Amino acid sequence: MTLPDPFETSIAVRAHEVDSAGRLKASEAFNYFQETASRNTMEQGNGFEAMFERGFAWILARIHLRFVRYPRFGEVIRCQTWPFGMKGVIATREFQ
């Protein structure tokens, strides 16, 4: 199985996205990944509006997140995503 090249965005960690220690909140990391996936699907013609017009939608059903190191306020992080597979109506997407 040949995987597509990752789609990538760069995002600077903003003040309202960090905890009292200046580390990125996990909930904000989820938002970064969701935004990156949304941009990728729009580029492929399968964004929210295009899916809605066809009577479909995509939703985030499950996510597993592991931090090697928490990004800190002001850091620019790279979010990468790519479609990983499909089983019936369930599509899998990877992130890094």
Protein backbone atom coordinates (compact mmCIF):
# COMPACT_ATOMS: atom_id res chain seq x y z
CA MET A 1 0.00 0.00 0.00
CA THR A 2 1.49 3.32 -1.08
CA LEU A 3 0.67 6.17 1.27
CA PRO A 4 0.13 9.71 0.01
CA ASP A 5 2.56 12.46 0.92
CA PRO A 6 1.61 14.15 4.20
CA PHE A 7 -0.31 17.42 4.12
CA GLU A 8 1.35 19.91 6.45
CA THR A 9 0.50 23.13 8.26
CA SER A 10 2.64 25.23 10.58
CA ILE A 11 0.98 26.81 13.59
CA ALA A 12 2.42 29.14 16.23
CA VAL A 13 1.28 28.29 19.76
CA ARG A 14 -0.73 31.26 21.06
CA ALA A 15 -1.09 32.48 24.63
CA HIS A 16 -4.70 31.34 25.07
CA GLU A 17 -3.77 27.79 23.98
CA VAL A 18 -1.35 27.06 26.81
CA ASP A 19 -1.72 26.05 30.45
CA SER A 20 -0.31 27.93 33.44
CA ALA A 21 3.12 26.37 32.79
CA GLY A 22 3.15 27.67 29.20
CA ARG A 23 2.60 24.20 27.63
CA LEU A 24 0.13 23.55 24.82
CA LYS A 25 -3.15 22.13 26.12
CA ALA A 26 -4.05 18.70 24.71
CA SER A 27 -7.45 20.06 23.62
CA GLU A 28 -5.70 22.66 21.48
CA ALA A 29 -3.49 20.00 19.88
CA PHE A 30 -6.73 18.24 18.86
CA ASN A 31 -7.91 21.51 17.32
CA TYR A 32 -4.63 21.86 15.38
CA PHE A 33 -5.00 18.36 13.97
CA GLN A 34 -8.68 18.89 13.14
CA GLU A 35 -7.85 22.14 11.32
CA THR A 36 -5.01 20.48 9.39
CA ALA A 37 -7.29 17.58 8.37
CA SER A 38 -10.01 20.03 7.33
CA ARG A 39 -7.60 21.96 5.11
CA ASN A 40 -6.38 18.70 3.58
CA THR A 41 -9.89 17.46 2.78
CA MET A 42 -10.85 20.85 1.28
CA GLU A 43 -7.79 20.67 -0.97
CA GLN A 44 -8.93 17.21 -2.11
CA GLY A 45 -12.50 18.40 -2.79
CA ASN A 46 -13.95 16.59 0.22
CA GLY A 47 -14.26 19.42 2.72
CA PHE A 48 -17.29 20.01 4.94
CA GLU A 49 -19.28 22.00 2.38
CA ALA A 50 -18.59 19.59 -0.49
CA MET A 51 -19.58 16.60 1.64
CA PHE A 52 -22.71 18.36 2.93
CA GLU A 53 -23.83 19.12 -0.65
CA ARG A 54 -23.60 15.38 -1.40
CA GLY A 55 -25.55 14.48 1.75
CA PHE A 56 -22.52 13.27 3.70
CA ALA A 57 -20.33 14.48 6.53
CA TRP A 58 -17.12 13.46 8.17
CA ILE A 59 -16.62 13.57 11.90
CA LEU A 60 -13.84 12.83 14.31
CA ALA A 61 -14.90 9.71 16.15
CA ARG A 62 -11.72 8.66 17.96
CA ILE A 63 -8.28 10.04 18.53
CA HIS A 64 -5.18 8.79 20.28
CA LEU A 65 -2.62 11.43 21.17
CA ARG A 66 0.86 10.95 22.62
CA PHE A 67 3.18 13.84 23.38
CA VAL A 68 6.92 13.28 23.24
CA ARG A 69 7.28 16.86 24.49
CA TYR A 70 4.66 19.51 25.03
CA PRO A 71 5.09 22.50 22.70
CA ARG A 72 5.38 25.79 24.53
CA PHE A 73 4.00 29.27 24.00
CA GLY A 74 5.48 30.93 20.91
CA GLU A 75 6.85 27.76 19.32
CA VAL A 76 5.91 27.04 15.73
CA ILE A 77 4.84 23.44 15.32
CA ARG A 78 4.28 21.40 12.18
CA CYS A 79 1.13 19.31 11.93
CA GLN A 80 1.12 16.58 9.30
CA THR A 81 -1.77 14.37 8.23
CA TRP A 82 -2.54 11.81 5.57
CA PRO A 83 -5.38 9.38 4.80
CA PHE A 84 -4.41 5.93 6.02
CA GLY A 85 -7.17 3.61 4.89
CA MET A 86 -10.84 2.90 4.62
CA LYS A 87 -13.05 0.10 5.88
CA GLY A 88 -16.67 0.50 4.78
CA VAL A 89 -17.67 4.06 5.65
CA ILE A 90 -14.91 4.43 8.26
CA ALA A 91 -11.81 6.29 7.09
CA THR A 92 -8.60 6.36 9.07
CA ARG A 93 -6.34 9.39 9.13
CA GLU A 94 -2.87 9.59 10.63
CA PHE A 95 -1.30 12.67 12.22
CA GLN A 96 2.15 13.68 13.34
